[in-house]
Amino acid sequence: MPASAQTAQSTEWPEGVIARYLTIAGATVDIKAIGIDRQTSVGTVTDITITAYCQGCRQKDVSTYLGMDASTFGDDFFASSLGDAARDWAQAHAEKCRAMPRPTA
């Protein structure tokens, strides 16, 4: 395994990251999901935003789902079909992105 892959896998994930893909150049594509509850005339609904972001080239994919019944998914709505688009984009992007990880200093 390349040293960059070992380093990326052994470090802790940033807060809020729920999935991570390693690019061929050693950067990561991180997926975060945010759910915000809001009140409507019919009760509480959740607006969900799932973002996949490449730490190398800075491209991103954002999916937003408004007015979801979060109780249907529990705490892991990313594991539901809502996460499919972000997972697919992150995987495809990681397979081809050649941008190097940005230095941390």
N, C-alpha and C. Protein backbone atom coordinates (compact mmCIF):
# COMPACT_ATOMS: atom_id res chain seq x y z
N MET A 1 0.85 -1.18 0.00
CA MET A 1 0.00 0.00 0.00
C MET A 1 0.89 1.24 0.00
N PRO A 2 0.59 2.26 -0.86
CA PRO A 2 1.40 3.48 -0.86
C PRO A 2 1.36 4.17 0.48
N ALA A 3 2.43 4.89 0.80
CA ALA A 3 2.51 5.59 2.09
C ALA A 3 1.37 6.58 2.25
N SER A 4 0.97 7.27 1.16
CA SER A 4 -0.12 8.24 1.27
C SER A 4 -1.42 7.56 1.65
N ALA A 5 -1.66 6.36 1.14
CA ALA A 5 -2.87 5.63 1.49
C ALA A 5 -2.84 5.20 2.95
N GLN A 6 -1.68 4.77 3.42
CA GLN A 6 -1.57 4.38 4.82
C GLN A 6 -1.82 5.58 5.73
N THR A 7 -1.26 6.73 5.39
CA THR A 7 -1.44 7.93 6.21
C THR A 7 -2.90 8.34 6.25
N ALA A 8 -3.55 8.35 5.09
CA ALA A 8 -4.95 8.78 5.03
C ALA A 8 -5.85 7.84 5.83
N GLN A 9 -5.53 6.56 5.84
CA GLN A 9 -6.38 5.62 6.54
C GLN A 9 -6.12 5.62 8.05
N SER A 10 -4.94 6.01 8.48
CA SER A 10 -4.63 5.91 9.90
C SER A 10 -5.00 7.18 10.68
N THR A 11 -5.30 8.28 10.00
CA THR A 11 -5.65 9.50 10.70
C THR A 11 -7.14 9.50 11.04
N GLU A 12 -7.49 10.28 12.03
CA GLU A 12 -8.89 10.37 12.42
C GLU A 12 -9.65 11.19 11.40
N TRP A 13 -10.90 10.83 11.21
CA TRP A 13 -11.74 11.58 10.30
C TRP A 13 -12.15 12.89 10.95
N PRO A 14 -12.29 13.94 10.14
CA PRO A 14 -12.78 15.21 10.68
C PRO A 14 -14.19 15.06 11.23
N GLU A 15 -14.54 15.93 12.16
CA GLU A 15 -15.86 15.89 12.76
C GLU A 15 -16.94 16.03 11.68
N GLY A 16 -17.95 15.20 11.77
CA GLY A 16 -19.08 15.28 10.85
C GLY A 16 -18.95 14.42 9.61
N VAL A 17 -17.76 13.89 9.33
CA VAL A 17 -17.57 13.05 8.15
C VAL A 17 -18.17 11.68 8.43
N ILE A 18 -19.07 11.24 7.53
CA ILE A 18 -19.74 9.95 7.74
C ILE A 18 -19.27 8.88 6.77
N ALA A 19 -18.55 9.29 5.73
CA ALA A 19 -17.95 8.33 4.79
C ALA A 19 -16.76 9.01 4.14
N ARG A 20 -15.79 8.20 3.75
CA ARG A 20 -14.56 8.78 3.18
C ARG A 20 -14.05 7.84 2.09
N TYR A 21 -13.65 8.45 0.98
CA TYR A 21 -13.07 7.71 -0.14
C TYR A 21 -11.68 8.26 -0.39
N LEU A 22 -10.76 7.40 -0.77
CA LEU A 22 -9.39 7.79 -1.03
C LEU A 22 -9.18 7.90 -2.53
N THR A 23 -8.69 9.06 -3.00
CA THR A 23 -8.44 9.23 -4.42
C THR A 23 -7.14 8.53 -4.81
N ILE A 24 -6.93 8.39 -6.10
CA ILE A 24 -5.72 7.70 -6.56
C ILE A 24 -4.46 8.52 -6.29
N ALA A 25 -4.61 9.81 -6.00
CA ALA A 25 -3.46 10.65 -5.68
C ALA A 25 -3.25 10.82 -4.18
N GLY A 26 -4.11 10.20 -3.37
CA GLY A 26 -3.94 10.24 -1.93
C GLY A 26 -4.76 11.27 -1.19
N ALA A 27 -5.58 12.06 -1.91
CA ALA A 27 -6.50 12.99 -1.25
C ALA A 27 -7.73 12.20 -0.80
N THR A 28 -8.62 12.84 -0.08
CA THR A 28 -9.85 12.16 0.31
C THR A 28 -11.06 12.89 -0.23
N VAL A 29 -12.11 12.13 -0.45
CA VAL A 29 -13.43 12.68 -0.76
C VAL A 29 -14.27 12.38 0.48
N ASP A 30 -14.65 13.42 1.19
CA ASP A 30 -15.38 13.27 2.45
C ASP A 30 -16.86 13.54 2.24
N ILE A 31 -17.68 12.75 2.88
CA ILE A 31 -19.13 12.94 2.81
C ILE A 31 -19.63 13.35 4.19
N LYS A 32 -20.40 14.43 4.20
CA LYS A 32 -21.03 14.92 5.42
C LYS A 32 -22.53 15.02 5.17
N ALA A 33 -23.30 14.81 6.21
CA ALA A 33 -24.76 14.96 6.11
C ALA A 33 -25.23 15.82 7.27
N ILE A 34 -26.12 16.73 6.95
CA ILE A 34 -26.68 17.61 7.97
C ILE A 34 -28.19 17.53 7.87
N GLY A 35 -28.83 17.31 8.99
CA GLY A 35 -30.28 17.30 9.06
C GLY A 35 -30.76 18.43 9.96
N ILE A 36 -31.65 19.24 9.46
CA ILE A 36 -32.19 20.37 10.24
C ILE A 36 -33.69 20.20 10.35
N ASP A 37 -34.16 20.11 11.58
CA ASP A 37 -35.60 19.98 11.82
C ASP A 37 -36.28 21.32 11.70
N ARG A 38 -37.51 21.30 11.19
CA ARG A 38 -38.31 22.52 11.15
C ARG A 38 -39.78 22.13 11.32
N GLN A 39 -40.52 23.06 11.85
CA GLN A 39 -41.94 22.85 12.09
C GLN A 39 -42.76 23.27 10.87
N THR A 40 -43.74 22.47 10.52
CA THR A 40 -44.68 22.81 9.46
C THR A 40 -46.08 22.68 10.02
N SER A 41 -47.06 22.96 9.21
CA SER A 41 -48.44 22.87 9.65
C SER A 41 -48.85 21.43 9.97
N VAL A 42 -48.11 20.46 9.44
CA VAL A 42 -48.43 19.05 9.69
C VAL A 42 -47.50 18.41 10.71
N GLY A 43 -46.54 19.15 11.25
CA GLY A 43 -45.63 18.61 12.26
C GLY A 43 -44.19 18.90 11.90
N THR A 44 -43.29 18.16 12.52
CA THR A 44 -41.85 18.36 12.33
C THR A 44 -41.38 17.57 11.12
N VAL A 45 -40.63 18.24 10.26
CA VAL A 45 -39.97 17.59 9.13
C VAL A 45 -38.49 17.92 9.20
N THR A 46 -37.70 17.18 8.43
CA THR A 46 -36.25 17.40 8.43
C THR A 46 -35.77 17.70 7.02
N ASP A 47 -35.00 18.77 6.89
CA ASP A 47 -34.34 19.09 5.64
C ASP A 47 -32.93 18.50 5.72
N ILE A 48 -32.58 17.67 4.75
CA ILE A 48 -31.32 16.94 4.78
C ILE A 48 -30.44 17.38 3.62
N THR A 49 -29.19 17.72 3.92
CA THR A 49 -28.21 18.05 2.90
C THR A 49 -27.03 17.09 3.04
N ILE A 50 -26.70 16.42 1.95
CA ILE A 50 -25.56 15.50 1.93
C ILE A 50 -24.55 16.07 0.94
N THR A 51 -23.32 16.29 1.43
CA THR A 51 -22.28 16.89 0.61
C THR A 51 -21.08 15.96 0.51
N ALA A 52 -20.65 15.70 -0.72
CA ALA A 52 -19.40 14.97 -0.97
C ALA A 52 -18.40 16.00 -1.47
N TYR A 53 -17.23 16.08 -0.83
CA TYR A 53 -16.26 17.13 -1.11
C TYR A 53 -14.86 16.55 -1.26
N CYS A 54 -14.21 16.85 -2.38
CA CYS A 54 -12.84 16.37 -2.61
C CYS A 54 -11.86 17.33 -1.98
N GLN A 55 -11.02 16.81 -1.09
CA GLN A 55 -10.02 17.63 -0.41
C GLN A 55 -8.84 17.95 -1.33
N GLY A 56 -8.76 17.30 -2.48
CA GLY A 56 -7.68 17.57 -3.41
C GLY A 56 -8.04 18.68 -4.39
N CYS A 57 -9.02 18.45 -5.25
CA CYS A 57 -9.36 19.42 -6.29
C CYS A 57 -10.47 20.38 -5.90
N ARG A 58 -11.11 20.13 -4.77
CA ARG A 58 -12.15 21.00 -4.21
C ARG A 58 -13.49 20.92 -4.95
N GLN A 59 -13.68 19.92 -5.79
CA GLN A 59 -15.00 19.72 -6.41
C GLN A 59 -15.93 19.15 -5.36
N LYS A 60 -17.24 19.40 -5.56
CA LYS A 60 -18.19 18.84 -4.60
C LYS A 60 -19.50 18.49 -5.30
N ASP A 61 -20.24 17.66 -4.63
CA ASP A 61 -21.57 17.26 -5.06
C ASP A 61 -22.49 17.45 -3.87
N VAL A 62 -23.59 18.17 -4.07
CA VAL A 62 -24.52 18.45 -2.98
C VAL A 62 -25.91 17.95 -3.35
N SER A 63 -26.51 17.20 -2.45
CA SER A 63 -27.89 16.74 -2.62
C SER A 63 -28.70 17.24 -1.44
N THR A 64 -29.86 17.83 -1.72
CA THR A 64 -30.72 18.36 -0.66
C THR A 64 -32.09 17.71 -0.76
N TYR A 65 -32.59 17.29 0.38
CA TYR A 65 -33.91 16.64 0.47
C TYR A 65 -34.73 17.42 1.49
N LEU A 66 -35.77 18.08 1.03
CA LEU A 66 -36.57 18.93 1.89
C LEU A 66 -37.81 18.21 2.40
N GLY A 67 -38.14 18.49 3.64
CA GLY A 67 -39.39 17.99 4.22
C GLY A 67 -39.46 16.49 4.42
N MET A 68 -38.34 15.89 4.77
CA MET A 68 -38.30 14.43 4.98
C MET A 68 -38.81 14.07 6.37
N ASP A 69 -39.39 12.89 6.47
CA ASP A 69 -39.79 12.35 7.77
C ASP A 69 -38.59 11.58 8.30
N ALA A 70 -37.79 12.24 9.12
CA ALA A 70 -36.54 11.65 9.60
C ALA A 70 -36.75 10.39 10.42
N SER A 71 -37.91 10.24 11.03
CA SER A 71 -38.16 9.04 11.83
C SER A 71 -38.16 7.78 10.96
N THR A 72 -38.37 7.95 9.66
CA THR A 72 -38.33 6.83 8.74
C THR A 72 -36.93 6.25 8.63
N PHE A 73 -35.92 7.10 8.79
CA PHE A 73 -34.54 6.68 8.60
C PHE A 73 -33.80 6.47 9.91
N GLY A 74 -34.29 7.01 10.98
CA GLY A 74 -33.56 6.95 12.24
C GLY A 74 -32.34 7.85 12.17
N ASP A 75 -31.29 7.49 12.88
CA ASP A 75 -30.09 8.31 12.90
C ASP A 75 -29.21 8.14 11.66
N ASP A 76 -29.46 7.12 10.87
CA ASP A 76 -28.57 6.82 9.76
C ASP A 76 -29.27 6.97 8.41
N PHE A 77 -29.77 8.16 8.11
CA PHE A 77 -30.43 8.36 6.83
C PHE A 77 -29.46 8.23 5.67
N PHE A 78 -28.15 8.39 5.91
CA PHE A 78 -27.16 8.23 4.86
C PHE A 78 -27.16 6.79 4.33
N ALA A 79 -27.43 5.83 5.20
CA ALA A 79 -27.43 4.43 4.78
C ALA A 79 -28.65 4.10 3.92
N SER A 80 -29.65 4.97 3.94
CA SER A 80 -30.83 4.75 3.11
C SER A 80 -30.51 5.12 1.67
N SER A 81 -31.49 5.05 0.81
CA SER A 81 -31.29 5.41 -0.60
C SER A 81 -30.94 6.88 -0.77
N LEU A 82 -31.14 7.71 0.26
CA LEU A 82 -30.78 9.12 0.16
C LEU A 82 -29.28 9.29 -0.05
N GLY A 83 -28.49 8.37 0.43
CA GLY A 83 -27.05 8.47 0.30
C GLY A 83 -26.50 7.97 -1.02
N ASP A 84 -27.35 7.38 -1.85
CA ASP A 84 -26.87 6.78 -3.10
C ASP A 84 -26.14 7.77 -4.00
N ALA A 85 -26.71 8.94 -4.23
CA ALA A 85 -26.10 9.91 -5.15
C ALA A 85 -24.73 10.35 -4.65
N ALA A 86 -24.63 10.65 -3.36
CA ALA A 86 -23.34 11.09 -2.79
C ALA A 86 -22.31 9.97 -2.85
N ARG A 87 -22.72 8.75 -2.50
CA ARG A 87 -21.78 7.63 -2.55
C ARG A 87 -21.30 7.38 -3.98
N ASP A 88 -22.24 7.41 -4.94
CA ASP A 88 -21.87 7.17 -6.33
C ASP A 88 -20.91 8.24 -6.84
N TRP A 89 -21.21 9.51 -6.55
CA TRP A 89 -20.34 10.60 -7.00
C TRP A 89 -18.96 10.48 -6.36
N ALA A 90 -18.92 10.25 -5.05
CA ALA A 90 -17.64 10.17 -4.34
C ALA A 90 -16.78 9.03 -4.86
N GLN A 91 -17.39 7.89 -5.09
CA GLN A 91 -16.64 6.73 -5.59
C GLN A 91 -16.10 7.01 -6.99
N ALA A 92 -16.94 7.51 -7.89
CA ALA A 92 -16.51 7.79 -9.26
C ALA A 92 -15.43 8.87 -9.28
N HIS A 93 -15.59 9.88 -8.46
CA HIS A 93 -14.61 10.96 -8.42
C HIS A 93 -13.27 10.45 -7.87
N ALA A 94 -13.31 9.69 -6.81
CA ALA A 94 -12.08 9.18 -6.19
C ALA A 94 -11.31 8.27 -7.16
N GLU A 95 -12.02 7.57 -8.01
CA GLU A 95 -11.36 6.67 -8.96
C GLU A 95 -10.57 7.41 -10.03
N LYS A 96 -10.89 8.68 -10.29
CA LYS A 96 -10.22 9.38 -11.39
C LYS A 96 -9.47 10.65 -10.98
N CYS A 97 -9.71 11.20 -9.79
CA CYS A 97 -9.10 12.47 -9.41
C CYS A 97 -7.61 12.29 -9.14
N ARG A 98 -6.83 13.15 -9.75
CA ARG A 98 -5.38 13.09 -9.59
C ARG A 98 -4.83 14.29 -8.83
N ALA A 99 -5.71 15.09 -8.23
CA ALA A 99 -5.26 16.23 -7.45
C ALA A 99 -4.60 15.74 -6.17
N MET A 100 -3.48 16.32 -5.85
CA MET A 100 -2.74 15.95 -4.65
C MET A 100 -3.42 16.53 -3.42
N PRO A 101 -3.30 15.87 -2.28
CA PRO A 101 -3.84 16.44 -1.06
C PRO A 101 -3.13 17.75 -0.74
N ARG A 102 -3.84 18.70 -0.20
CA ARG A 102 -3.23 19.98 0.18
C ARG A 102 -2.38 19.78 1.42
N PRO A 103 -1.22 20.47 1.48
CA PRO A 103 -0.35 20.35 2.66
C PRO A 103 -1.05 20.87 3.91
N THR A 104 -0.69 20.33 5.05
CA THR A 104 -1.28 20.75 6.32
C THR A 104 -0.23 21.42 7.19
N ALA A 105 0.13 22.63 6.86
CA ALA A 105 1.10 23.33 7.71
C ALA A 105 1.08 24.80 7.48
